[in-house]
PDB file of all heavy atoms in Angstrom:
ATOM      1  N   ARG A   1     -17.352  -6.572 -14.272  1.00  0.00           N
ATOM      2  CA  ARG A   1     -17.804  -7.111 -13.000  1.00  0.00           C
ATOM      3  C   ARG A   1     -16.973  -6.516 -11.879  1.00  0.00           C
ATOM      4  O   ARG A   1     -15.766  -6.315 -12.042  1.00  0.00           O
ATOM      5  CB  ARG A   1     -17.651  -8.638 -12.947  1.00  0.00           C
ATOM      6  CG  ARG A   1     -18.829  -9.412 -13.505  1.00  0.00           C
ATOM      7  CD  ARG A   1     -18.650 -10.881 -13.196  1.00  0.00           C
ATOM      8  NE  ARG A   1     -19.785 -11.684 -13.612  1.00  0.00           N
ATOM      9  CZ  ARG A   1     -19.916 -12.973 -13.365  1.00  0.00           C
ATOM     10  NH1 ARG A   1     -18.977 -13.598 -12.699  1.00  0.00           N
ATOM     11  NH2 ARG A   1     -20.979 -13.644 -13.790  1.00  0.00           N
ATOM     12  N   LEU A   2     -17.591  -6.230 -10.757  1.00  0.00           N
ATOM     13  CA  LEU A   2     -16.854  -5.809  -9.579  1.00  0.00           C
ATOM     14  C   LEU A   2     -16.397  -7.055  -8.844  1.00  0.00           C
ATOM     15  O   LEU A   2     -17.171  -8.004  -8.643  1.00  0.00           O
ATOM     16  CB  LEU A   2     -17.737  -4.968  -8.662  1.00  0.00           C
ATOM     17  CG  LEU A   2     -18.228  -3.625  -9.214  1.00  0.00           C
ATOM     18  CD1 LEU A   2     -19.121  -2.952  -8.198  1.00  0.00           C
ATOM     19  CD2 LEU A   2     -17.070  -2.738  -9.572  1.00  0.00           C
ATOM     20  N   PHE A   3     -15.143  -7.071  -8.443  1.00  0.00           N
ATOM     21  CA  PHE A   3     -14.635  -8.185  -7.652  1.00  0.00           C
ATOM     22  C   PHE A   3     -13.589  -7.667  -6.676  1.00  0.00           C
ATOM     23  O   PHE A   3     -13.147  -6.510  -6.772  1.00  0.00           O
ATOM     24  CB  PHE A   3     -14.070  -9.287  -8.551  1.00  0.00           C
ATOM     25  CG  PHE A   3     -12.934  -8.846  -9.422  1.00  0.00           C
ATOM     26  CD1 PHE A   3     -11.619  -9.030  -9.028  1.00  0.00           C
ATOM     27  CD2 PHE A   3     -13.196  -8.251 -10.645  1.00  0.00           C
ATOM     28  CE1 PHE A   3     -10.583  -8.612  -9.824  1.00  0.00           C
ATOM     29  CE2 PHE A   3     -12.148  -7.844 -11.463  1.00  0.00           C
ATOM     30  CZ  PHE A   3     -10.847  -8.021 -11.052  1.00  0.00           C
ATOM     31  N   THR A   4     -13.218  -8.507  -5.760  1.00  0.00           N
ATOM     32  CA  THR A   4     -12.341  -8.104  -4.667  1.00  0.00           C
ATOM     33  C   THR A   4     -10.952  -8.706  -4.865  1.00  0.00           C
ATOM     34  O   THR A   4     -10.807  -9.901  -5.111  1.00  0.00           O
ATOM     35  CB  THR A   4     -12.894  -8.542  -3.310  1.00  0.00           C
ATOM     36  OG1 THR A   4     -14.187  -7.959  -3.139  1.00  0.00           O
ATOM     37  CG2 THR A   4     -11.991  -8.089  -2.171  1.00  0.00           C
ATOM     38  N   GLY A   5      -9.958  -7.839  -4.782  1.00  0.00           N
ATOM     39  CA  GLY A   5      -8.571  -8.281  -4.784  1.00  0.00           C
ATOM     40  C   GLY A   5      -7.890  -7.820  -3.504  1.00  0.00           C
ATOM     41  O   GLY A   5      -8.530  -7.303  -2.585  1.00  0.00           O
ATOM     42  N   ARG A   6      -6.599  -8.002  -3.454  1.00  0.00           N
ATOM     43  CA  ARG A   6      -5.847  -7.594  -2.266  1.00  0.00           C
ATOM     44  C   ARG A   6      -4.568  -6.887  -2.681  1.00  0.00           C
ATOM     45  O   ARG A   6      -3.882  -7.320  -3.626  1.00  0.00           O
ATOM     46  CB  ARG A   6      -5.499  -8.807  -1.402  1.00  0.00           C
ATOM     47  CG  ARG A   6      -6.696  -9.341  -0.641  1.00  0.00           C
ATOM     48  CD  ARG A   6      -6.450 -10.710  -0.015  1.00  0.00           C
ATOM     49  NE  ARG A   6      -5.123 -10.873   0.524  1.00  0.00           N
ATOM     50  CZ  ARG A   6      -4.367 -11.937   0.299  1.00  0.00           C
ATOM     51  NH1 ARG A   6      -4.799 -12.903  -0.507  1.00  0.00           N
ATOM     52  NH2 ARG A   6      -3.180 -12.054   0.849  1.00  0.00           N
ATOM     53  N   LEU A   7      -4.285  -5.807  -1.984  1.00  0.00           N
ATOM     54  CA  LEU A   7      -3.029  -5.066  -2.173  1.00  0.00           C
ATOM     55  C   LEU A   7      -2.179  -5.217  -0.921  1.00  0.00           C
ATOM     56  O   LEU A   7      -2.640  -4.922   0.186  1.00  0.00           O
ATOM     57  CB  LEU A   7      -3.323  -3.594  -2.433  1.00  0.00           C
ATOM     58  CG  LEU A   7      -3.597  -3.181  -3.889  1.00  0.00           C
ATOM     59  CD1 LEU A   7      -3.988  -1.715  -3.950  1.00  0.00           C
ATOM     60  CD2 LEU A   7      -2.397  -3.445  -4.774  1.00  0.00           C
ATOM     61  N   VAL A   8      -0.986  -5.681  -1.125  1.00  0.00           N
ATOM     62  CA  VAL A   8      -0.034  -5.816  -0.011  1.00  0.00           C
ATOM     63  C   VAL A   8       1.028  -4.734  -0.189  1.00  0.00           C
ATOM     64  O   VAL A   8       1.762  -4.734  -1.169  1.00  0.00           O
ATOM     65  CB  VAL A   8       0.608  -7.211   0.014  1.00  0.00           C
ATOM     66  CG1 VAL A   8       1.590  -7.311   1.178  1.00  0.00           C
ATOM     67  CG2 VAL A   8      -0.448  -8.291   0.118  1.00  0.00           C
ATOM     68  N   VAL A   9       1.086  -3.803   0.767  1.00  0.00           N
ATOM     69  CA  VAL A   9       2.068  -2.706   0.721  1.00  0.00           C
ATOM     70  C   VAL A   9       3.079  -2.979   1.841  1.00  0.00           C
ATOM     71  O   VAL A   9       2.704  -3.087   3.011  1.00  0.00           O
ATOM     72  CB  VAL A   9       1.401  -1.331   0.893  1.00  0.00           C
ATOM     73  CG1 VAL A   9       2.452  -0.241   0.818  1.00  0.00           C
ATOM     74  CG2 VAL A   9       0.344  -1.124  -0.159  1.00  0.00           C
ATOM     75  N   ARG A  10       4.329  -3.050   1.466  1.00  0.00           N
ATOM     76  CA  ARG A  10       5.395  -3.417   2.417  1.00  0.00           C
ATOM     77  C   ARG A  10       6.374  -2.259   2.555  1.00  0.00           C
ATOM     78  O   ARG A  10       6.795  -1.665   1.548  1.00  0.00           O
ATOM     79  CB  ARG A  10       6.106  -4.676   1.915  1.00  0.00           C
ATOM     80  CG  ARG A  10       7.131  -5.238   2.895  1.00  0.00           C
ATOM     81  CD  ARG A  10       7.696  -6.558   2.353  1.00  0.00           C
ATOM     82  NE  ARG A  10       6.669  -7.613   2.389  1.00  0.00           N
ATOM     83  CZ  ARG A  10       6.022  -8.055   1.317  1.00  0.00           C
ATOM     84  NH1 ARG A  10       6.265  -7.517   0.135  1.00  0.00           N
ATOM     85  NH2 ARG A  10       5.126  -9.012   1.429  1.00  0.00           N
ATOM     86  N   ASN A  11       6.736  -1.961   3.806  1.00  0.00           N
ATOM     87  CA  ASN A  11       7.724  -0.917   4.095  1.00  0.00           C
ATOM     88  C   ASN A  11       9.032  -1.626   4.437  1.00  0.00           C
ATOM     89  O   ASN A  11       9.173  -2.234   5.502  1.00  0.00           O
ATOM     90  CB  ASN A  11       7.252  -0.056   5.268  1.00  0.00           C
ATOM     91  CG  ASN A  11       8.195   1.102   5.556  1.00  0.00           C
ATOM     92  OD1 ASN A  11       9.171   1.329   4.833  1.00  0.00           O
ATOM     93  ND2 ASN A  11       7.933   1.856   6.629  1.00  0.00           N
ATOM     94  N   THR A  12      10.008  -1.532   3.510  1.00  0.00           N
ATOM     95  CA  THR A  12      11.284  -2.236   3.736  1.00  0.00           C
ATOM     96  C   THR A  12      12.223  -1.431   4.627  1.00  0.00           C
ATOM     97  O   THR A  12      13.295  -1.964   4.995  1.00  0.00           O
ATOM     98  CB  THR A  12      11.968  -2.488   2.383  1.00  0.00           C
ATOM     99  OG1 THR A  12      12.220  -1.251   1.732  1.00  0.00           O
ATOM    100  CG2 THR A  12      11.069  -3.358   1.495  1.00  0.00           C
ATOM    101  N   LYS A  13      11.860  -0.221   5.038  1.00  0.00           N
ATOM    102  CA  LYS A  13      12.695   0.564   5.950  1.00  0.00           C
ATOM    103  C   LYS A  13      12.452   0.036   7.367  1.00  0.00           C
ATOM    104  O   LYS A  13      11.332   0.094   7.884  1.00  0.00           O
ATOM    105  CB  LYS A  13      12.334   2.063   5.893  1.00  0.00           C
ATOM    106  CG  LYS A  13      12.470   2.674   4.514  1.00  0.00           C
ATOM    107  CD  LYS A  13      12.257   4.168   4.560  1.00  0.00           C
ATOM    108  CE  LYS A  13      10.871   4.538   5.054  1.00  0.00           C
ATOM    109  NZ  LYS A  13       9.803   4.161   4.122  1.00  0.00           N
ATOM    110  N   VAL A  14      13.461  -0.467   7.980  1.00  0.00           N
ATOM    111  CA  VAL A  14      13.279  -1.026   9.336  1.00  0.00           C
ATOM    112  C   VAL A  14      13.229   0.073  10.377  1.00  0.00           C
ATOM    113  O   VAL A  14      12.539  -0.068  11.414  1.00  0.00           O
ATOM    114  CB  VAL A  14      14.438  -2.009   9.637  1.00  0.00           C
ATOM    115  CG1 VAL A  14      14.312  -2.600  11.046  1.00  0.00           C
ATOM    116  CG2 VAL A  14      14.472  -3.115   8.596  1.00  0.00           C
ATOM    117  N   TRP A  15      13.857   1.184  10.131  1.00  0.00           N
ATOM    118  CA  TRP A  15      14.049   2.207  11.157  1.00  0.00           C
ATOM    119  C   TRP A  15      13.039   3.362  11.077  1.00  0.00           C
ATOM    120  O   TRP A  15      13.057   4.229  11.943  1.00  0.00           O
ATOM    121  CB  TRP A  15      15.465   2.790  11.038  1.00  0.00           C
ATOM    122  CG  TRP A  15      15.771   3.274   9.655  1.00  0.00           C
ATOM    123  CD1 TRP A  15      16.219   2.527   8.613  1.00  0.00           C
ATOM    124  CD2 TRP A  15      15.611   4.600   9.151  1.00  0.00           C
ATOM    125  NE1 TRP A  15      16.370   3.296   7.488  1.00  0.00           N
ATOM    126  CE2 TRP A  15      15.993   4.584   7.783  1.00  0.00           C
ATOM    127  CE3 TRP A  15      15.181   5.813   9.703  1.00  0.00           C
ATOM    128  CZ2 TRP A  15      15.980   5.699   6.976  1.00  0.00           C
ATOM    129  CZ3 TRP A  15      15.147   6.935   8.921  1.00  0.00           C
ATOM    130  CH2 TRP A  15      15.539   6.881   7.562  1.00  0.00           C
ATOM    131  N   MET A  16      12.180   3.398  10.069  1.00  0.00           N
ATOM    132  CA  MET A  16      11.298   4.548   9.944  1.00  0.00           C
ATOM    133  C   MET A  16       9.918   4.113   9.450  1.00  0.00           C
ATOM    134  O   MET A  16       9.789   3.288   8.539  1.00  0.00           O
ATOM    135  CB  MET A  16      11.881   5.576   8.975  1.00  0.00           C
ATOM    136  CG  MET A  16      11.004   6.796   8.780  1.00  0.00           C
ATOM    137  SD  MET A  16      11.748   8.017   7.686  1.00  0.00           S
ATOM    138  CE  MET A  16      10.440   9.231   7.632  1.00  0.00           C
ATOM    139  N   THR A  17       8.885   4.694  10.047  1.00  0.00           N
ATOM    140  CA  THR A  17       7.506   4.479   9.627  1.00  0.00           C
ATOM    141  C   THR A  17       7.169   5.426   8.482  1.00  0.00           C
ATOM    142  O   THR A  17       7.574   6.581   8.497  1.00  0.00           O
ATOM    143  CB  THR A  17       6.547   4.707  10.804  1.00  0.00           C
ATOM    144  OG1 THR A  17       6.869   3.801  11.858  1.00  0.00           O
ATOM    145  CG2 THR A  17       5.096   4.510  10.368  1.00  0.00           C
ATOM    146  N   SER A  18       6.423   4.926   7.524  1.00  0.00           N
ATOM    147  CA  SER A  18       5.911   5.762   6.442  1.00  0.00           C
ATOM    148  C   SER A  18       4.510   6.233   6.815  1.00  0.00           C
ATOM    149  O   SER A  18       3.621   5.400   7.118  1.00  0.00           O
ATOM    150  CB  SER A  18       5.861   4.982   5.120  1.00  0.00           C
ATOM    151  OG  SER A  18       7.172   4.691   4.677  1.00  0.00           O
ATOM    152  N   PHE A  19       4.290   7.546   6.790  1.00  0.00           N
ATOM    153  CA  PHE A  19       3.025   8.119   7.249  1.00  0.00           C
ATOM    154  C   PHE A  19       2.220   8.675   6.058  1.00  0.00           C
ATOM    155  O   PHE A  19       2.799   9.150   5.076  1.00  0.00           O
ATOM    156  CB  PHE A  19       3.286   9.244   8.256  1.00  0.00           C
ATOM    157  CG  PHE A  19       3.846   8.779   9.566  1.00  0.00           C
ATOM    158  CD1 PHE A  19       5.204   8.847   9.803  1.00  0.00           C
ATOM    159  CD2 PHE A  19       3.025   8.255  10.553  1.00  0.00           C
ATOM    160  CE1 PHE A  19       5.738   8.434  11.008  1.00  0.00           C
ATOM    161  CE2 PHE A  19       3.532   7.835  11.773  1.00  0.00           C
ATOM    162  CZ  PHE A  19       4.900   7.913  12.001  1.00  0.00           C
ATOM    163  N   SER A  20       0.906   8.607   6.210  1.00  0.00           N
ATOM    164  CA  SER A  20      -0.041   9.285   5.323  1.00  0.00           C
ATOM    165  C   SER A  20       0.232   8.960   3.837  1.00  0.00           C
ATOM    166  O   SER A  20       0.482   9.862   3.039  1.00  0.00           O
ATOM    167  CB  SER A  20       0.010  10.803   5.552  1.00  0.00           C
ATOM    168  OG  SER A  20      -1.026  11.437   4.841  1.00  0.00           O
ATOM    169  N   ILE A  21       0.165   7.680   3.512  1.00  0.00           N
ATOM    170  CA  ILE A  21       0.457   7.220   2.158  1.00  0.00           C
ATOM    171  C   ILE A  21      -0.870   7.043   1.384  1.00  0.00           C
ATOM    172  O   ILE A  21      -1.790   6.391   1.861  1.00  0.00           O
ATOM    173  CB  ILE A  21       1.242   5.903   2.165  1.00  0.00           C
ATOM    174  CG1 ILE A  21       2.557   6.062   2.926  1.00  0.00           C
ATOM    175  CG2 ILE A  21       1.501   5.429   0.745  1.00  0.00           C
ATOM    176  CD1 ILE A  21       3.495   7.114   2.345  1.00  0.00           C
ATOM    177  N   ARG A  22      -0.931   7.602   0.204  1.00  0.00           N
ATOM    178  CA  ARG A  22      -2.083   7.455  -0.680  1.00  0.00           C
ATOM    179  C   ARG A  22      -1.635   6.643  -1.918  1.00  0.00           C
ATOM    180  O   ARG A  22      -0.631   6.991  -2.546  1.00  0.00           O
ATOM    181  CB  ARG A  22      -2.605   8.821  -1.097  1.00  0.00           C
ATOM    182  CG  ARG A  22      -3.815   8.797  -2.042  1.00  0.00           C
ATOM    183  CD  ARG A  22      -4.164  10.238  -2.414  1.00  0.00           C
ATOM    184  NE  ARG A  22      -5.215  10.296  -3.414  1.00  0.00           N
ATOM    185  CZ  ARG A  22      -6.513  10.354  -3.142  1.00  0.00           C
ATOM    186  NH1 ARG A  22      -6.918  10.346  -1.889  1.00  0.00           N
ATOM    187  NH2 ARG A  22      -7.394  10.437  -4.117  1.00  0.00           N
ATOM    188  N   LEU A  23      -2.381   5.614  -2.244  1.00  0.00           N
ATOM    189  CA  LEU A  23      -2.061   4.728  -3.355  1.00  0.00           C
ATOM    190  C   LEU A  23      -3.157   4.791  -4.403  1.00  0.00           C
ATOM    191  O   LEU A  23      -4.326   4.522  -4.110  1.00  0.00           O
ATOM    192  CB  LEU A  23      -1.861   3.285  -2.868  1.00  0.00           C
ATOM    193  CG  LEU A  23      -1.504   2.245  -3.934  1.00  0.00           C
ATOM    194  CD1 LEU A  23      -0.191   2.581  -4.584  1.00  0.00           C
ATOM    195  CD2 LEU A  23      -1.466   0.854  -3.298  1.00  0.00           C
ATOM    196  N   GLU A  24      -2.778   5.143  -5.644  1.00  0.00           N
ATOM    197  CA  GLU A  24      -3.729   5.208  -6.747  1.00  0.00           C
ATOM    198  C   GLU A  24      -3.255   4.321  -7.888  1.00  0.00           C
ATOM    199  O   GLU A  24      -2.051   4.143  -8.093  1.00  0.00           O
ATOM    200  CB  GLU A  24      -3.871   6.650  -7.249  1.00  0.00           C
ATOM    201  CG  GLU A  24      -4.389   7.634  -6.219  1.00  0.00           C
ATOM    202  CD  GLU A  24      -4.417   9.046  -6.759  1.00  0.00           C
ATOM    203  OE1 GLU A  24      -5.433   9.423  -7.397  1.00  0.00           O
ATOM    204  OE2 GLU A  24      -3.429   9.765  -6.550  1.00  0.00           O
ATOM    205  N   GLY A  25      -4.222   3.788  -8.635  1.00  0.00           N
ATOM    206  CA  GLY A  25      -3.902   2.936  -9.762  1.00  0.00           C
ATOM    207  C   GLY A  25      -4.187   3.635 -11.077  1.00  0.00           C
ATOM    208  O   GLY A  25      -5.059   4.514 -11.160  1.00  0.00           O
ATOM    209  N   SER A  26      -3.474   3.226 -12.146  1.00  0.00           N
ATOM    210  CA  SER A  26      -3.760   3.756 -13.481  1.00  0.00           C
ATOM    211  C   SER A  26      -5.106   3.208 -13.964  1.00  0.00           C
ATOM    212  O   SER A  26      -5.640   2.249 -13.405  1.00  0.00           O
ATOM    213  CB  SER A  26      -2.647   3.331 -14.424  1.00  0.00           C
ATOM    214  OG  SER A  26      -2.592   1.920 -14.522  1.00  0.00           O
TER     215      SER A  26
END
């Protein structure tokens, strides 16, 4: 069945932005 979940991605670096991030699952 297709269903909807949520992914929370957190950047713990206070001083720098993370750019152009691609996230893939196994």
